[in-house]
Amino acid sequence: MSLTSRSSCAEREKMVEFLQGCDFAIMDTQYTDEEYTDHIGWGHSSLSSVVSLALDANVGRLLLFHHDPNHDDEIIDKMVERARALVAKSGKPLEVEAAREGAEILLGAKTAAA
C-alpha cells in the first residue's frame, strides 16, 4: 500500500494503526512536496505525507528512503531538514534520518551505524 494523495482515509488509518508506536519506520520518500504534484499516481510518497503519517502513528525514528535518482546529497539533506522542521512544528518527538549507501541498521540499537 503506498501513501499517496489518492489514499483513502480508511487506507491511511490502517497504515497509522499498523505503524502505531513502532520504534523505527523506513518509508518511501521519493519526492519533495513540490515534485509530488507532477508524479501523482506513480506509487511514491511525498515528504510531508510520510512525516505526517509517522507523527500520527507515534513512530520513534523515521528513515527516509527510495530517493529519487535525480536527487543529490544536497537535495536529500534539505529534505531531512524540511522533515525535521515539520516535526519541530508538531511538537512531537520523532527522529528523522535519510538512508545512505553503506549505512547499517542495528536492530535493538538506538542509532543507525554509518
PDB file of N, CA and C in Angstrom:
ATOM      1  N   MET A   1       0.848  -1.171   0.000  1.00  0.00           N
ATOM      2  CA  MET A   1       0.000   0.000   0.000  1.00  0.00           C
ATOM      3  C   MET A   1       0.896   1.237   0.000  1.00  0.00           C
ATOM      4  N   SER A   2       0.712   2.120  -0.937  1.00  0.00           N
ATOM      5  CA  SER A   2       1.526   3.327  -0.987  1.00  0.00           C
ATOM      6  C   SER A   2       0.780   4.484  -0.344  1.00  0.00           C
ATOM      7  N   LEU A   3       1.556   5.435   0.122  1.00  0.00           N
ATOM      8  CA  LEU A   3       0.980   6.614   0.762  1.00  0.00           C
ATOM      9  C   LEU A   3       0.974   7.733  -0.262  1.00  0.00           C
ATOM     10  N   THR A   4      -0.145   7.943  -0.882  1.00  0.00           N
ATOM     11  CA  THR A   4      -0.270   8.969  -1.907  1.00  0.00           C
ATOM     12  C   THR A   4      -1.486   9.820  -1.614  1.00  0.00           C
ATOM     13  N   SER A   5      -1.634  10.883  -2.384  1.00  0.00           N
ATOM     14  CA  SER A   5      -2.808  11.738  -2.175  1.00  0.00           C
ATOM     15  C   SER A   5      -4.096  11.001  -2.520  1.00  0.00           C
ATOM     16  N   ARG A   6      -3.975   9.905  -3.260  1.00  0.00           N
ATOM     17  CA  ARG A   6      -5.159   9.124  -3.622  1.00  0.00           C
ATOM     18  C   ARG A   6      -5.539   8.108  -2.545  1.00  0.00           C
ATOM     19  N   SER A   7      -4.678   7.952  -1.548  1.00  0.00           N
ATOM     20  CA  SER A   7      -5.002   7.015  -0.473  1.00  0.00           C
ATOM     21  C   SER A   7      -6.270   7.487   0.222  1.00  0.00           C
ATOM     22  N   SER A   8      -7.172   6.577   0.443  1.00  0.00           N
ATOM     23  CA  SER A   8      -8.396   6.947   1.138  1.00  0.00           C
ATOM     24  C   SER A   8      -8.099   7.130   2.619  1.00  0.00           C
ATOM     25  N   CYS A   9      -9.008   7.791   3.291  1.00  0.00           N
ATOM     26  CA  CYS A   9      -8.862   7.975   4.735  1.00  0.00           C
ATOM     27  C   CYS A   9      -8.790   6.626   5.436  1.00  0.00           C
ATOM     28  N   ALA A  10      -9.575   5.674   4.974  1.00  0.00           N
ATOM     29  CA  ALA A  10      -9.579   4.342   5.593  1.00  0.00           C
ATOM     30  C   ALA A  10      -8.231   3.654   5.410  1.00  0.00           C
ATOM     31  N   GLU A  11      -7.638   3.772   4.225  1.00  0.00           N
ATOM     32  CA  GLU A  11      -6.324   3.168   3.985  1.00  0.00           C
ATOM     33  C   GLU A  11      -5.267   3.817   4.870  1.00  0.00           C
ATOM     34  N   ARG A  12      -5.330   5.148   4.972  1.00  0.00           N
ATOM     35  CA  ARG A  12      -4.354   5.853   5.797  1.00  0.00           C
ATOM     36  C   ARG A  12      -4.493   5.440   7.259  1.00  0.00           C
ATOM     37  N   GLU A  13      -5.722   5.337   7.736  1.00  0.00           N
ATOM     38  CA  GLU A  13      -5.948   4.919   9.118  1.00  0.00           C
ATOM     39  C   GLU A  13      -5.409   3.514   9.364  1.00  0.00           C
ATOM     40  N   LYS A  14      -5.523   2.631   8.383  1.00  0.00           N
ATOM     41  CA  LYS A  14      -4.953   1.288   8.516  1.00  0.00           C
ATOM     42  C   LYS A  14      -3.439   1.361   8.651  1.00  0.00           C
ATOM     43  N   MET A  15      -2.812   2.266   7.895  1.00  0.00           N
ATOM     44  CA  MET A  15      -1.362   2.415   7.992  1.00  0.00           C
ATOM     45  C   MET A  15      -0.962   2.996   9.344  1.00  0.00           C
ATOM     46  N   VAL A  16      -1.719   3.978   9.825  1.00  0.00           N
ATOM     47  CA  VAL A  16      -1.440   4.548  11.147  1.00  0.00           C
ATOM     48  C   VAL A  16      -1.545   3.464  12.209  1.00  0.00           C
ATOM     49  N   GLU A  17      -2.591   2.669  12.127  1.00  0.00           N
ATOM     50  CA  GLU A  17      -2.788   1.584  13.093  1.00  0.00           C
ATOM     51  C   GLU A  17      -1.645   0.574  13.016  1.00  0.00           C
ATOM     52  N   PHE A  18      -1.242   0.205  11.807  1.00  0.00           N
ATOM     53  CA  PHE A  18      -0.167  -0.767  11.619  1.00  0.00           C
ATOM     54  C   PHE A  18       1.150  -0.258  12.195  1.00  0.00           C
ATOM     55  N   LEU A  19       1.443   1.017  12.005  1.00  0.00           N
ATOM     56  CA  LEU A  19       2.712   1.602  12.453  1.00  0.00           C
ATOM     57  C   LEU A  19       2.675   2.096  13.895  1.00  0.00           C
ATOM     58  N   GLN A  20       1.508   2.115  14.510  1.00  0.00           N
ATOM     59  CA  GLN A  20       1.312   2.746  15.812  1.00  0.00           C
ATOM     60  C   GLN A  20       2.381   2.344  16.820  1.00  0.00           C
ATOM     61  N   GLY A  21       3.126   3.356  17.290  1.00  0.00           N
ATOM     62  CA  GLY A  21       4.095   3.162  18.353  1.00  0.00           C
ATOM     63  C   GLY A  21       5.355   2.412  17.967  1.00  0.00           C
ATOM     64  N   CYS A  22       5.571   2.154  16.689  1.00  0.00           N
ATOM     65  CA  CYS A  22       6.782   1.403  16.326  1.00  0.00           C
ATOM     66  C   CYS A  22       8.018   2.262  16.598  1.00  0.00           C
ATOM     67  N   ASP A  23       9.105   1.595  16.924  1.00  0.00           N
ATOM     68  CA  ASP A  23      10.347   2.294  17.233  1.00  0.00           C
ATOM     69  C   ASP A  23      10.980   2.911  15.995  1.00  0.00           C
ATOM     70  N   PHE A  24      10.856   2.218  14.857  1.00  0.00           N
ATOM     71  CA  PHE A  24      11.627   2.602  13.679  1.00  0.00           C
ATOM     72  C   PHE A  24      10.827   2.290  12.418  1.00  0.00           C
ATOM     73  N   ALA A  25      10.661   3.264  11.542  1.00  0.00           N
ATOM     74  CA  ALA A  25       9.953   3.044  10.275  1.00  0.00           C
ATOM     75  C   ALA A  25      10.829   3.508   9.118  1.00  0.00           C
ATOM     76  N   ILE A  26      10.904   2.677   8.092  1.00  0.00           N
ATOM     77  CA  ILE A  26      11.632   3.010   6.868  1.00  0.00           C
ATOM     78  C   ILE A  26      10.571   3.233   5.799  1.00  0.00           C
ATOM     79  N   MET A  27      10.513   4.461   5.270  1.00  0.00           N
ATOM     80  CA  MET A  27       9.399   4.803   4.383  1.00  0.00           C
ATOM     81  C   MET A  27       9.868   5.473   3.098  1.00  0.00           C
ATOM     82  N   ASP A  28       9.198   5.106   2.009  1.00  0.00           N
ATOM     83  CA  ASP A  28       9.449   5.705   0.701  1.00  0.00           C
ATOM     84  C   ASP A  28       9.186   7.199   0.761  1.00  0.00           C
ATOM     85  N   THR A  29      10.196   7.969   0.394  1.00  0.00           N
ATOM     86  CA  THR A  29      10.067   9.425   0.357  1.00  0.00           C
ATOM     87  C   THR A  29      10.753   9.918  -0.908  1.00  0.00           C
ATOM     88  N   GLN A  30      10.285   9.458  -2.028  1.00  0.00           N
ATOM     89  CA  GLN A  30      10.966   9.754  -3.287  1.00  0.00           C
ATOM     90  C   GLN A  30      10.890  11.224  -3.671  1.00  0.00           C
ATOM     91  N   TYR A  31       9.788  11.886  -3.337  1.00  0.00           N
ATOM     92  CA  TYR A  31       9.591  13.236  -3.858  1.00  0.00           C
ATOM     93  C   TYR A  31       9.439  14.290  -2.771  1.00  0.00           C
ATOM     94  N   THR A  32       9.937  15.490  -3.093  1.00  0.00           N
ATOM     95  CA  THR A  32       9.598  16.651  -2.283  1.00  0.00           C
ATOM     96  C   THR A  32       8.117  16.934  -2.527  1.00  0.00           C
ATOM     97  N   ASP A  33       7.534  17.766  -1.704  1.00  0.00           N
ATOM     98  CA  ASP A  33       6.123  18.104  -1.904  1.00  0.00           C
ATOM     99  C   ASP A  33       5.914  18.798  -3.252  1.00  0.00           C
ATOM    100  N   GLU A  34       6.872  19.634  -3.637  1.00  0.00           N
ATOM    101  CA  GLU A  34       6.763  20.348  -4.907  1.00  0.00           C
ATOM    102  C   GLU A  34       6.832  19.372  -6.091  1.00  0.00           C
ATOM    103  N   GLU A  35       7.713  18.397  -6.023  1.00  0.00           N
ATOM    104  CA  GLU A  35       7.861  17.414  -7.101  1.00  0.00           C
ATOM    105  C   GLU A  35       6.655  16.485  -7.184  1.00  0.00           C
ATOM    106  N   TYR A  36       6.064  16.213  -6.043  1.00  0.00           N
ATOM    107  CA  TYR A  36       4.985  15.231  -5.999  1.00  0.00           C
ATOM    108  C   TYR A  36       3.811  15.615  -6.900  1.00  0.00           C
ATOM    109  N   THR A  37       3.536  16.889  -7.031  1.00  0.00           N
ATOM    110  CA  THR A  37       2.391  17.311  -7.842  1.00  0.00           C
ATOM    111  C   THR A  37       2.509  16.849  -9.295  1.00  0.00           C
ATOM    112  N   ASP A  38       3.733  16.640  -9.767  1.00  0.00           N
ATOM    113  CA  ASP A  38       3.945  16.145 -11.135  1.00  0.00           C
ATOM    114  C   ASP A  38       4.029  14.625 -11.205  1.00  0.00           C
ATOM    115  N   HIS A  39       3.906  13.949 -10.059  1.00  0.00           N
ATOM    116  CA  HIS A  39       4.068  12.494 -10.021  1.00  0.00           C
ATOM    117  C   HIS A  39       2.917  11.785  -9.311  1.00  0.00           C
ATOM    118  N   ILE A  40       1.791  12.429  -9.225  1.00  0.00           N
ATOM    119  CA  ILE A  40       0.628  11.813  -8.584  1.00  0.00           C
ATOM    120  C   ILE A  40       0.250  10.546  -9.350  1.00  0.00           C
ATOM    121  N   GLY A  41       0.028   9.489  -8.605  1.00  0.00           N
ATOM    122  CA  GLY A  41      -0.354   8.221  -9.211  1.00  0.00           C
ATOM    123  C   GLY A  41       0.814   7.327  -9.588  1.00  0.00           C
ATOM    124  N   TRP A  42       2.034   7.773  -9.315  1.00  0.00           N
ATOM    125  CA  TRP A  42       3.212   6.970  -9.646  1.00  0.00           C
ATOM    126  C   TRP A  42       3.515   5.938  -8.565  1.00  0.00           C
ATOM    127  N   GLY A  43       2.811   5.988  -7.446  1.00  0.00           N
ATOM    128  CA  GLY A  43       3.010   4.998  -6.393  1.00  0.00           C
ATOM    129  C   GLY A  43       4.085   5.346  -5.389  1.00  0.00           C
ATOM    130  N   HIS A  44       4.531   6.601  -5.387  1.00  0.00           N
ATOM    131  CA  HIS A  44       5.546   7.035  -4.432  1.00  0.00           C
ATOM    132  C   HIS A  44       4.953   8.101  -3.526  1.00  0.00           C
ATOM    133  N   SER A  45       5.648   8.375  -2.440  1.00  0.00           N
ATOM    134  CA  SER A  45       5.130   9.296  -1.432  1.00  0.00           C
ATOM    135  C   SER A  45       5.872  10.621  -1.442  1.00  0.00           C
ATOM    136  N   SER A  46       5.227  11.612  -0.875  1.00  0.00           N
ATOM    137  CA  SER A  46       5.851  12.924  -0.696  1.00  0.00           C
ATOM    138  C   SER A  46       6.379  13.032   0.729  1.00  0.00           C
ATOM    139  N   LEU A  47       7.286  13.958   0.903  1.00  0.00           N
ATOM    140  CA  LEU A  47       7.923  14.153   2.200  1.00  0.00           C
ATOM    141  C   LEU A  47       6.907  14.454   3.304  1.00  0.00           C
ATOM    142  N   SER A  48       6.041  15.421   3.091  1.00  0.00           N
ATOM    143  CA  SER A  48       5.122  15.800   4.172  1.00  0.00           C
ATOM    144  C   SER A  48       4.119  14.700   4.494  1.00  0.00           C
ATOM    145  N   SER A  49       3.702  13.919   3.489  1.00  0.00           N
ATOM    146  CA  SER A  49       2.747  12.844   3.772  1.00  0.00           C
ATOM    147  C   SER A  49       3.381  11.757   4.629  1.00  0.00           C
ATOM    148  N   VAL A  50       4.659  11.475   4.395  1.00  0.00           N
ATOM    149  CA  VAL A  50       5.366  10.463   5.180  1.00  0.00           C
ATOM    150  C   VAL A  50       5.585  10.954   6.611  1.00  0.00           C
ATOM    151  N   VAL A  51       6.016  12.196   6.751  1.00  0.00           N
ATOM    152  CA  VAL A  51       6.234  12.748   8.091  1.00  0.00           C
ATOM    153  C   VAL A  51       4.915  12.791   8.858  1.00  0.00           C
ATOM    154  N   SER A  52       3.851  13.215   8.213  1.00  0.00           N
ATOM    155  CA  SER A  52       2.538  13.266   8.852  1.00  0.00           C
ATOM    156  C   SER A  52       2.101  11.889   9.336  1.00  0.00           C
ATOM    157  N   LEU A  53       2.278  10.892   8.502  1.00  0.00           N
ATOM    158  CA  LEU A  53       1.913   9.528   8.883  1.00  0.00           C
ATOM    159  C   LEU A  53       2.731   9.066  10.085  1.00  0.00           C
ATOM    160  N   ALA A  54       4.037   9.291  10.048  1.00  0.00           N
ATOM    161  CA  ALA A  54       4.901   8.871  11.155  1.00  0.00           C
ATOM    162  C   ALA A  54       4.520   9.585  12.450  1.00  0.00           C
ATOM    163  N   LEU A  55       4.213  10.861  12.358  1.00  0.00           N
ATOM    164  CA  LEU A  55       3.795  11.607  13.549  1.00  0.00           C
ATOM    165  C   LEU A  55       2.469  11.085  14.089  1.00  0.00           C
ATOM    166  N   ASP A  56       1.507  10.859  13.219  1.00  0.00           N
ATOM    167  CA  ASP A  56       0.197  10.366  13.652  1.00  0.00           C
ATOM    168  C   ASP A  56       0.289   8.979  14.277  1.00  0.00           C
ATOM    169  N   ALA A  57       1.273   8.195  13.842  1.00  0.00           N
ATOM    170  CA  ALA A  57       1.439   6.834  14.362  1.00  0.00           C
ATOM    171  C   ALA A  57       2.392   6.781  15.556  1.00  0.00           C
ATOM    172  N   ASN A  58       2.888   7.943  15.990  1.00  0.00           N
ATOM    173  CA  ASN A  58       3.813   7.998  17.128  1.00  0.00           C
ATOM    174  C   ASN A  58       5.034   7.105  16.923  1.00  0.00           C
ATOM    175  N   VAL A  59       5.587   7.169  15.722  1.00  0.00           N
ATOM    176  CA  VAL A  59       6.812   6.439  15.394  1.00  0.00           C
ATOM    177  C   VAL A  59       7.973   7.108  16.127  1.00  0.00           C
ATOM    178  N   GLY A  60       8.942   6.333  16.557  1.00  0.00           N
ATOM    179  CA  GLY A  60      10.092   6.886  17.261  1.00  0.00           C
ATOM    180  C   GLY A  60      11.151   7.460  16.336  1.00  0.00           C
ATOM    181  N   ARG A  61      11.489   6.712  15.290  1.00  0.00           N
ATOM    182  CA  ARG A  61      12.507   7.140  14.321  1.00  0.00           C
ATOM    183  C   ARG A  61      12.002   6.863  12.914  1.00  0.00           C
ATOM    184  N   LEU A  62      12.264   7.791  12.023  1.00  0.00           N
ATOM    185  CA  LEU A  62      11.838   7.680  10.631  1.00  0.00           C
ATOM    186  C   LEU A  62      13.062   7.732   9.734  1.00  0.00           C
ATOM    187  N   LEU A  63      13.192   6.739   8.871  1.00  0.00           N
ATOM    188  CA  LEU A  63      14.271   6.714   7.892  1.00  0.00           C
ATOM    189  C   LEU A  63      13.660   6.953   6.515  1.00  0.00           C
ATOM    190  N   LEU A  64      14.053   8.053   5.891  1.00  0.00           N
ATOM    191  CA  LEU A  64      13.582   8.383   4.552  1.00  0.00           C
ATOM    192  C   LEU A  64      14.405   7.585   3.551  1.00  0.00           C
ATOM    193  N   PHE A  65      13.738   6.865   2.637  1.00  0.00           N
ATOM    194  CA  PHE A  65      14.487   6.082   1.658  1.00  0.00           C
ATOM    195  C   PHE A  65      13.787   6.083   0.304  1.00  0.00           C
ATOM    196  N   HIS A  66      14.365   5.368  -0.634  1.00  0.00           N
ATOM    197  CA  HIS A  66      13.933   5.290  -2.027  1.00  0.00           C
ATOM    198  C   HIS A  66      14.011   6.668  -2.653  1.00  0.00           C
ATOM    199  N   HIS A  67      15.202   7.251  -2.501  1.00  0.00           N
ATOM    200  CA  HIS A  67      15.440   8.596  -3.009  1.00  0.00           C
ATOM    201  C   HIS A  67      15.340   8.630  -4.532  1.00  0.00           C
ATOM    202  N   ASP A  68      14.868   9.743  -5.048  1.00  0.00           N
ATOM    203  CA  ASP A  68      14.811   9.936  -6.494  1.00  0.00           C
ATOM    204  C   ASP A  68      16.240   9.893  -7.042  1.00  0.00           C
ATOM    205  N   PRO A  69      16.480   9.154  -8.116  1.00  0.00           N
ATOM    206  CA  PRO A  69      17.836   9.061  -8.666  1.00  0.00           C
ATOM    207  C   PRO A  69      18.398  10.410  -9.118  1.00  0.00           C
ATOM    208  N   ASN A  70      17.533  11.389  -9.342  1.00  0.00           N
ATOM    209  CA  ASN A  70      17.998  12.724  -9.727  1.00  0.00           C
ATOM    210  C   ASN A  70      18.359  13.596  -8.530  1.00  0.00           C
ATOM    211  N   HIS A  71      18.135  13.102  -7.326  1.00  0.00           N
ATOM    212  CA  HIS A  71      18.462  13.865  -6.123  1.00  0.00           C
ATOM    213  C   HIS A  71      19.910  13.615  -5.726  1.00  0.00           C
ATOM    214  N   ASP A  72      20.638  14.693  -5.493  1.00  0.00           N
ATOM    215  CA  ASP A  72      21.995  14.554  -4.977  1.00  0.00           C
ATOM    216  C   ASP A  72      21.943  14.672  -3.452  1.00  0.00           C
ATOM    217  N   ASP A  73      23.107  14.550  -2.821  1.00  0.00           N
ATOM    218  CA  ASP A  73      23.155  14.596  -1.357  1.00  0.00           C
ATOM    219  C   ASP A  73      22.596  15.905  -0.806  1.00  0.00           C
ATOM    220  N   GLU A  74      22.836  17.000  -1.502  1.00  0.00           N
ATOM    221  CA  GLU A  74      22.344  18.295  -1.033  1.00  0.00           C
ATOM    222  C   GLU A  74      20.813  18.324  -0.978  1.00  0.00           C
ATOM    223  N   ILE A  75      20.170  17.802  -1.993  1.00  0.00           N
ATOM    224  CA  ILE A  75      18.698  17.770  -2.007  1.00  0.00           C
ATOM    225  C   ILE A  75      18.177  16.866  -0.897  1.00  0.00           C
ATOM    226  N   ILE A  76      18.800  15.714  -0.732  1.00  0.00           N
ATOM    227  CA  ILE A  76      18.365  14.788   0.323  1.00  0.00           C
ATOM    228  C   ILE A  76      18.555  15.421   1.694  1.00  0.00           C
ATOM    229  N   ASP A  77      19.684  16.101   1.898  1.00  0.00           N
ATOM    230  CA  ASP A  77      19.910  16.786   3.175  1.00  0.00           C
ATOM    231  C   ASP A  77      18.844  17.849   3.424  1.00  0.00           C
ATOM    232  N   LYS A  78      18.447  18.561   2.376  1.00  0.00           N
ATOM    233  CA  LYS A  78      17.393  19.571   2.522  1.00  0.00           C
ATOM    234  C   LYS A  78      16.051  18.919   2.848  1.00  0.00           C
ATOM    235  N   MET A  79      15.799  17.743   2.290  1.00  0.00           N
ATOM    236  CA  MET A  79      14.567  17.023   2.614  1.00  0.00           C
ATOM    237  C   MET A  79      14.556  16.622   4.088  1.00  0.00           C
ATOM    238  N   VAL A  80      15.704  16.181   4.595  1.00  0.00           N
ATOM    239  CA  VAL A  80      15.795  15.827   6.016  1.00  0.00           C
ATOM    240  C   VAL A  80      15.556  17.066   6.870  1.00  0.00           C
ATOM    241  N   GLU A  81      16.167  18.188   6.497  1.00  0.00           N
ATOM    242  CA  GLU A  81      15.960  19.436   7.236  1.00  0.00           C
ATOM    243  C   GLU A  81      14.480  19.822   7.239  1.00  0.00           C
ATOM    244  N   ARG A  82      13.833  19.711   6.089  1.00  0.00           N
ATOM    245  CA  ARG A  82      12.407  20.047   5.989  1.00  0.00           C
ATOM    246  C   ARG A  82      11.569  19.115   6.857  1.00  0.00           C
ATOM    247  N   ALA A  83      11.896  17.829   6.822  1.00  0.00           N
ATOM    248  CA  ALA A  83      11.173  16.858   7.648  1.00  0.00           C
ATOM    249  C   ALA A  83      11.338  17.196   9.123  1.00  0.00           C
ATOM    250  N   ARG A  84      12.549  17.519   9.523  1.00  0.00           N
ATOM    251  CA  ARG A  84      12.798  17.872  10.928  1.00  0.00           C
ATOM    252  C   ARG A  84      12.059  19.145  11.319  1.00  0.00           C
ATOM    253  N   ALA A  85      11.937  20.092  10.395  1.00  0.00           N
ATOM    254  CA  ALA A  85      11.176  21.317  10.675  1.00  0.00           C
ATOM    255  C   ALA A  85       9.695  20.998  10.876  1.00  0.00           C
ATOM    256  N   LEU A  86       9.159  20.099  10.067  1.00  0.00           N
ATOM    257  CA  LEU A  86       7.763  19.678  10.235  1.00  0.00           C
ATOM    258  C   LEU A  86       7.563  19.003  11.589  1.00  0.00           C
ATOM    259  N   VAL A  87       8.523  18.187  11.985  1.00  0.00           N
ATOM    260  CA  VAL A  87       8.450  17.519  13.287  1.00  0.00           C
ATOM    261  C   VAL A  87       8.500  18.552  14.402  1.00  0.00           C
ATOM    262  N   ALA A  88       9.428  19.495  14.313  1.00  0.00           N
ATOM    263  CA  ALA A  88       9.553  20.524  15.349  1.00  0.00           C
ATOM    264  C   ALA A  88       8.256  21.322  15.481  1.00  0.00           C
ATOM    265  N   LYS A  89       7.653  21.644  14.358  1.00  0.00           N
ATOM    266  CA  LYS A  89       6.393  22.397  14.368  1.00  0.00           C
ATOM    267  C   LYS A  89       5.280  21.607  15.051  1.00  0.00           C
ATOM    268  N   SER A  90       5.330  20.283  14.932  1.00  0.00           N
ATOM    269  CA  SER A  90       4.286  19.440  15.529  1.00  0.00           C
ATOM    270  C   SER A  90       4.412  19.356  17.046  1.00  0.00           C
ATOM    271  N   GLY A  91       5.629  19.544  17.546  1.00  0.00           N
ATOM    272  CA  GLY A  91       5.865  19.409  18.977  1.00  0.00           C
ATOM    273  C   GLY A  91       5.979  17.973  19.454  1.00  0.00           C
ATOM    274  N   LYS A  92       5.928  17.026  18.531  1.00  0.00           N
ATOM    275  CA  LYS A  92       6.025  15.608  18.889  1.00  0.00           C
ATOM    276  C   LYS A  92       7.464  15.121  18.732  1.00  0.00           C
ATOM    277  N   PRO A  93       7.824  14.087  19.494  1.00  0.00           N
ATOM    278  CA  PRO A  93       9.174  13.536  19.350  1.00  0.00           C
ATOM    279  C   PRO A  93       9.243  12.559  18.172  1.00  0.00           C
ATOM    280  N   LEU A  94      10.094  12.837  17.215  1.00  0.00           N
ATOM    281  CA  LEU A  94      10.329  11.943  16.084  1.00  0.00           C
ATOM    282  C   LEU A  94      11.709  12.260  15.538  1.00  0.00           C
ATOM    283  N   GLU A  95      12.577  11.273  15.520  1.00  0.00           N
ATOM    284  CA  GLU A  95      13.899  11.444  14.923  1.00  0.00           C
ATOM    285  C   GLU A  95      13.791  11.140  13.438  1.00  0.00           C
ATOM    286  N   VAL A  96      14.452  11.949  12.609  1.00  0.00           N
ATOM    287  CA  VAL A  96      14.405  11.755  11.162  1.00  0.00           C
ATOM    288  C   VAL A  96      15.822  11.669  10.616  1.00  0.00           C
ATOM    289  N   GLU A  97      16.052  10.663   9.777  1.00  0.00           N
ATOM    290  CA  GLU A  97      17.326  10.480   9.096  1.00  0.00           C
ATOM    291  C   GLU A  97      17.032  10.084   7.657  1.00  0.00           C
ATOM    292  N   ALA A  98      18.057  10.156   6.809  1.00  0.00           N
ATOM    293  CA  ALA A  98      17.931   9.676   5.431  1.00  0.00           C
ATOM    294  C   ALA A  98      18.761   8.413   5.275  1.00  0.00           C
ATOM    295  N   ALA A  99      18.244   7.477   4.500  1.00  0.00           N
ATOM    296  CA  ALA A  99      19.019   6.280   4.174  1.00  0.00           C
ATOM    297  C   ALA A  99      20.246   6.712   3.379  1.00  0.00           C
ATOM    298  N   ARG A 100      21.361   6.086   3.675  1.00  0.00           N
ATOM    299  CA  ARG A 100      22.619   6.402   2.997  1.00  0.00           C
ATOM    300  C   ARG A 100      23.290   5.115   2.564  1.00  0.00           C
ATOM    301  N   GLU A 101      23.942   5.161   1.433  1.00  0.00           N
ATOM    302  CA  GLU A 101      24.658   3.995   0.935  1.00  0.00           C
ATOM    303  C   GLU A 101      25.676   3.527   1.968  1.00  0.00           C
ATOM    304  N   GLY A 102      25.654   2.241   2.265  1.00  0.00           N
ATOM    305  CA  GLY A 102      26.595   1.651   3.209  1.00  0.00           C
ATOM    306  C   GLY A 102      26.162   1.719   4.661  1.00  0.00           C
ATOM    307  N   ALA A 103      25.078   2.431   4.948  1.00  0.00           N
ATOM    308  CA  ALA A 103      24.607   2.522   6.333  1.00  0.00           C
ATOM    309  C   ALA A 103      24.033   1.176   6.757  1.00  0.00           C
ATOM    310  N   GLU A 104      24.186   0.875   8.020  1.00  0.00           N
ATOM    311  CA  GLU A 104      23.636  -0.350   8.586  1.00  0.00           C
ATOM    312  C   GLU A 104      22.676   0.016   9.698  1.00  0.00           C
ATOM    313  N   ILE A 105      21.628  -0.742   9.809  1.00  0.00           N
ATOM    314  CA  ILE A 105      20.660  -0.542  10.884  1.00  0.00           C
ATOM    315  C   ILE A 105      20.818  -1.704  11.844  1.00  0.00           C
ATOM    316  N   LEU A 106      21.159  -1.388  13.056  1.00  0.00           N
ATOM    317  CA  LEU A 106      21.340  -2.410  14.076  1.00  0.00           C
ATOM    318  C   LEU A 106      20.039  -2.549  14.848  1.00  0.00           C
ATOM    319  N   LEU A 107      19.374  -3.663  14.682  1.00  0.00           N
ATOM    320  CA  LEU A 107      18.112  -3.871  15.381  1.00  0.00           C
ATOM    321  C   LEU A 107      18.360  -3.903  16.875  1.00  0.00           C
ATOM    322  N   GLY A 108      17.520  -3.210  17.592  1.00  0.00           N
ATOM    323  CA  GLY A 108      17.679  -3.111  19.034  1.00  0.00           C
ATOM    324  C   GLY A 108      18.552  -1.938  19.443  1.00  0.00           C
ATOM    325  N   ALA A 109      19.234  -1.308  18.481  1.00  0.00           N
ATOM    326  CA  ALA A 109      20.088  -0.156  18.768  1.00  0.00           C
ATOM    327  C   ALA A 109      19.256   1.118  18.669  1.00  0.00           C
ATOM    328  N   LYS A 110      19.725   2.169  19.289  1.00  0.00           N
ATOM    329  CA  LYS A 110      19.003   3.435  19.258  1.00  0.00           C
ATOM    330  C   LYS A 110      19.484   4.361  18.144  1.00  0.00           C
ATOM    331  N   THR A 111      20.581   4.023  17.455  1.00  0.00           N
ATOM    332  CA  THR A 111      21.067   4.842  16.350  1.00  0.00           C
ATOM    333  C   THR A 111      21.488   3.957  15.197  1.00  0.00           C
ATOM    334  N   ALA A 112      21.485   4.513  14.004  1.00  0.00           N
ATOM    335  CA  ALA A 112      21.943   3.782  12.813  1.00  0.00           C
ATOM    336  C   ALA A 112      23.449   3.938  12.701  1.00  0.00           C
ATOM    337  N   ALA A 113      24.141   2.871  12.372  1.00  0.00           N
ATOM    338  CA  ALA A 113      25.589   2.924  12.177  1.00  0.00           C
ATOM    339  C   ALA A 113      25.880   3.420  10.773  1.00  0.00           C
ATOM    340  N   ALA A 114      26.893   4.258  10.652  1.00  0.00           N
ATOM    341  CA  ALA A 114      27.255   4.797   9.326  1.00  0.00           C
ATOM    342  C   ALA A 114      28.204   3.870   8.607  1.00  0.00           C
TER     343      ALA A 114
END
